[in-house]
C-alpha atoms as a PDB file:
ATOM      1  CA  MET A   1       2.790 -34.417  16.909  1.00  0.00           C
ATOM      2  CA  LYS A   2      -0.067 -32.641  15.135  1.00  0.00           C
ATOM      3  CA  LYS A   3       2.258 -31.737  12.255  1.00  0.00           C
ATOM      4  CA  LEU A   4       3.270 -35.383  11.900  1.00  0.00           C
ATOM      5  CA  ILE A   5      -0.347 -36.512  11.772  1.00  0.00           C
ATOM      6  CA  ALA A   6      -1.204 -33.785   9.241  1.00  0.00           C
ATOM      7  CA  ALA A   7       1.767 -34.744   7.070  1.00  0.00           C
ATOM      8  CA  ALA A   8       0.761 -38.415   7.195  1.00  0.00           C
ATOM      9  CA  GLY A   9      -2.767 -37.463   6.172  1.00  0.00           C
ATOM     10  CA  VAL A  10      -1.538 -35.448   3.221  1.00  0.00           C
ATOM     11  CA  LEU A  11       0.733 -38.274   2.055  1.00  0.00           C
ATOM     12  CA  ALA A  12      -2.069 -40.812   2.396  1.00  0.00           C
ATOM     13  CA  ALA A  13      -4.433 -38.602   0.419  1.00  0.00           C
ATOM     14  CA  ALA A  14      -1.854 -37.956  -2.281  1.00  0.00           C
ATOM     15  CA  ALA A  15      -1.216 -41.673  -2.652  1.00  0.00           C
ATOM     16  CA  GLY A  16      -4.854 -42.152  -3.677  1.00  0.00           C
ATOM     17  CA  CYS A  17      -4.778 -39.511  -6.416  1.00  0.00           C
ATOM     18  CA  ALA A  18      -5.480 -40.404 -10.018  1.00  0.00           C
ATOM     19  CA  THR A  19      -2.283 -41.192 -11.935  1.00  0.00           C
ATOM     20  CA  ARG A  20      -1.334 -38.955 -14.847  1.00  0.00           C
ATOM     21  CA  PRO A  21      -1.829 -40.801 -18.181  1.00  0.00           C
ATOM     22  CA  ALA A  22       1.850 -40.489 -19.116  1.00  0.00           C
ATOM     23  CA  LYS A  23       2.790 -42.509 -16.027  1.00  0.00           C
ATOM     24  CA  ILE A  24       0.355 -45.365 -16.705  1.00  0.00           C
ATOM     25  CA  GLU A  25       2.022 -48.448 -18.128  1.00  0.00           C
ATOM     26  CA  PRO A  26       0.258 -50.311 -20.958  1.00  0.00           C
ATOM     27  CA  SER A  27      -1.454 -53.553 -20.080  1.00  0.00           C
ATOM     28  CA  PHE A  28      -0.561 -56.615 -22.127  1.00  0.00           C
ATOM     29  CA  VAL A  29      -2.690 -57.084 -25.223  1.00  0.00           C
ATOM     30  CA  SER A  30      -1.780 -59.900 -27.585  1.00  0.00           C
ATOM     31  CA  ASN A  31      -1.171 -58.993 -31.209  1.00  0.00           C
ATOM     32  CA  GLU A  32      -2.521 -62.407 -32.272  1.00  0.00           C
ATOM     33  CA  PRO A  33      -6.076 -61.185 -33.012  1.00  0.00           C
ATOM     34  CA  TYR A  34      -4.642 -58.513 -35.312  1.00  0.00           C
ATOM     35  CA  MET A  35      -2.393 -60.835 -37.310  1.00  0.00           C
ATOM     36  CA  ALA A  36      -5.256 -61.943 -39.573  1.00  0.00           C
ATOM     37  CA  SER A  37      -5.904 -58.342 -40.642  1.00  0.00           C
ATOM     38  CA  GLU A  38      -4.505 -56.680 -43.743  1.00  0.00           C
ATOM     39  CA  CYS A  39      -2.366 -53.545 -43.475  1.00  0.00           C
ATOM     40  CA  ALA A  40      -5.266 -51.224 -44.386  1.00  0.00           C
ATOM     41  CA  GLN A  41      -7.431 -52.778 -41.676  1.00  0.00           C
ATOM     42  CA  LEU A  42      -4.596 -52.481 -39.176  1.00  0.00           C
ATOM     43  CA  ALA A  43      -4.167 -48.805 -40.054  1.00  0.00           C
ATOM     44  CA  GLU A  44      -7.880 -48.232 -39.429  1.00  0.00           C
ATOM     45  CA  ARG A  45      -7.732 -50.125 -36.138  1.00  0.00           C
ATOM     46  CA  MET A  46      -4.674 -48.118 -35.107  1.00  0.00           C
ATOM     47  CA  THR A  47      -6.511 -44.870 -35.799  1.00  0.00           C
ATOM     48  CA  ASP A  48      -9.447 -46.059 -33.690  1.00  0.00           C
ATOM     49  CA  ALA A  49      -7.183 -47.299 -30.881  1.00  0.00           C
ATOM     50  CA  LYS A  50      -5.253 -44.026 -30.782  1.00  0.00           C
ATOM     51  CA  ALA A  51      -8.533 -42.091 -30.650  1.00  0.00           C
ATOM     52  CA  ARG A  52      -9.689 -44.222 -27.676  1.00  0.00           C
ATOM     53  CA  LEU A  53      -6.321 -43.711 -25.999  1.00  0.00           C
ATOM     54  CA  GLN A  54      -6.556 -39.952 -26.491  1.00  0.00           C
ATOM     55  CA  ASP A  55     -10.136 -39.902 -25.139  1.00  0.00           C
ATOM     56  CA  PHE A  56      -9.354 -41.955 -22.023  1.00  0.00           C
ATOM     57  CA  SER A  57      -6.098 -40.048 -21.463  1.00  0.00           C
ATOM     58  CA  ALA A  58      -7.989 -36.744 -21.523  1.00  0.00           C
ATOM     59  CA  LYS A  59     -10.542 -38.112 -19.051  1.00  0.00           C
ATOM     60  CA  GLN A  60      -7.778 -39.433 -16.790  1.00  0.00           C
ATOM     61  CA  GLU A  61      -5.893 -36.138 -16.941  1.00  0.00           C
ATOM     62  CA  LYS A  62      -9.078 -34.340 -15.887  1.00  0.00           C
ATOM     63  CA  LYS A  63      -9.485 -36.774 -12.948  1.00  0.00           C
ATOM     64  CA  ALA A  64      -5.878 -36.122 -11.901  1.00  0.00           C
ATOM     65  CA  ASN A  65      -6.442 -32.362 -12.046  1.00  0.00           C
ATOM     66  CA  VAL A  66      -9.652 -32.615  -9.995  1.00  0.00           C
ATOM     67  CA  ASP A  67      -7.854 -34.822  -7.476  1.00  0.00           C
ATOM     68  CA  ALA A  68      -5.073 -32.274  -7.113  1.00  0.00           C
ATOM     69  CA  ALA A  69      -7.616 -29.554  -6.381  1.00  0.00           C
ATOM     70  CA  PHE A  70      -9.557 -31.730  -3.933  1.00  0.00           C
ATOM     71  CA  VAL A  71      -6.416 -32.770  -2.080  1.00  0.00           C
ATOM     72  CA  PHE A  72      -5.377 -29.140  -1.835  1.00  0.00           C
ATOM     73  CA  TRP A  73      -8.742 -28.055  -0.400  1.00  0.00           C
ATOM     74  CA  VAL A  74     -10.128 -31.058   1.495  1.00  0.00           C
ATOM     75  CA  LEU A  75      -7.193 -33.515   1.667  1.00  0.00           C
ATOM     76  CA  VAL A  76      -9.213 -36.258  -0.052  1.00  0.00           C
ATOM     77  CA  PRO A  77      -8.840 -37.149  -3.758  1.00  0.00           C
ATOM     78  CA  ALA A  78     -12.197 -37.152  -5.552  1.00  0.00           C
ATOM     79  CA  SER A  79     -11.280 -40.274  -7.537  1.00  0.00           C
ATOM     80  CA  LEU A  80     -11.217 -42.164  -4.268  1.00  0.00           C
ATOM     81  CA  PHE A  81     -15.008 -42.040  -4.476  1.00  0.00           C
ATOM     82  CA  THR A  82     -15.646 -41.687  -8.206  1.00  0.00           C
ATOM     83  CA  GLY A  83     -12.930 -43.897  -9.698  1.00  0.00           C
ATOM     84  CA  ASP A  84     -10.719 -43.047 -12.634  1.00  0.00           C
ATOM     85  CA  TYR A  85      -9.802 -44.229 -16.132  1.00  0.00           C
ATOM     86  CA  ALA A  86      -6.384 -45.749 -15.429  1.00  0.00           C
ATOM     87  CA  ALA A  87      -7.442 -49.263 -16.495  1.00  0.00           C
ATOM     88  CA  GLU A  88      -8.911 -47.951 -19.735  1.00  0.00           C
ATOM     89  CA  VAL A  89      -5.772 -45.923 -20.472  1.00  0.00           C
ATOM     90  CA  ALA A  90      -3.587 -48.990 -19.815  1.00  0.00           C
ATOM     91  CA  LYS A  91      -5.738 -51.172 -22.077  1.00  0.00           C
ATOM     92  CA  ALA A  92      -5.781 -48.576 -24.871  1.00  0.00           C
ATOM     93  CA  LYS A  93      -1.985 -48.239 -24.654  1.00  0.00           C
ATOM     94  CA  GLY A  94      -1.732 -52.027 -24.848  1.00  0.00           C
ATOM     95  CA  GLU A  95      -3.975 -52.124 -27.925  1.00  0.00           C
ATOM     96  CA  VAL A  96      -1.893 -49.464 -29.664  1.00  0.00           C
ATOM     97  CA  ALA A  97       1.260 -51.460 -28.901  1.00  0.00           C
ATOM     98  CA  ALA A  98      -0.306 -54.744 -30.087  1.00  0.00           C
ATOM     99  CA  ILE A  99      -1.537 -53.235 -33.341  1.00  0.00           C
ATOM    100  CA  GLY A 100       1.868 -51.626 -33.864  1.00  0.00           C
ATOM    101  CA  ALA A 101       3.548 -54.995 -33.309  1.00  0.00           C
ATOM    102  CA  ALA A 102       1.206 -56.632 -35.829  1.00  0.00           C
ATOM    103  CA  GLN A 103       1.929 -53.873 -38.338  1.00  0.00           C
ATOM    104  CA  ALA A 104       5.675 -54.295 -37.853  1.00  0.00           C
ATOM    105  CA  SER A 105       5.414 -58.077 -38.142  1.00  0.00           C
ATOM    106  CA  LYS A 106       3.514 -57.776 -41.423  1.00  0.00           C
ATOM    107  CA  GLY A 107       5.818 -55.068 -42.772  1.00  0.00           C
ATOM    108  CA  CYS A 108       3.013 -52.517 -42.997  1.00  0.00           C
ATOM    109  CA  THR A 109       3.825 -48.865 -43.461  1.00  0.00           C
ATOM    110  CA  ALA A 110       2.637 -47.165 -40.298  1.00  0.00           C
ATOM    111  CA  ILE A 111       0.085 -44.437 -40.776  1.00  0.00           C
ATOM    112  CA  LYS A 112       0.427 -41.617 -38.290  1.00  0.00           C
ATOM    113  CA  ALA A 113      -2.818 -40.698 -36.619  1.00  0.00           C
END
């Protein structure tokens, strides 16, 4: 019985861990606000959006790593108390997708960041 309770506790703790950035789905961001921009402006916005995505992804990855350590040692994910950056990662992914859609719609040559 004690093993069952311990296993349930571990599963419950693991369920609250911060999600790895690669597993976070993008949130919907309309490309409409970007449609008025020229290709050069879109390229600049894409560079900025990708930089934000990289920043929030790095922060989220760090939260996931800390959670893994906390769950291993104390069975409680730290992000349960401190929060994480999943919403910011999802929004940044959505912005990158929206800007990419606007670029494609306008026939812009994508600039790799």
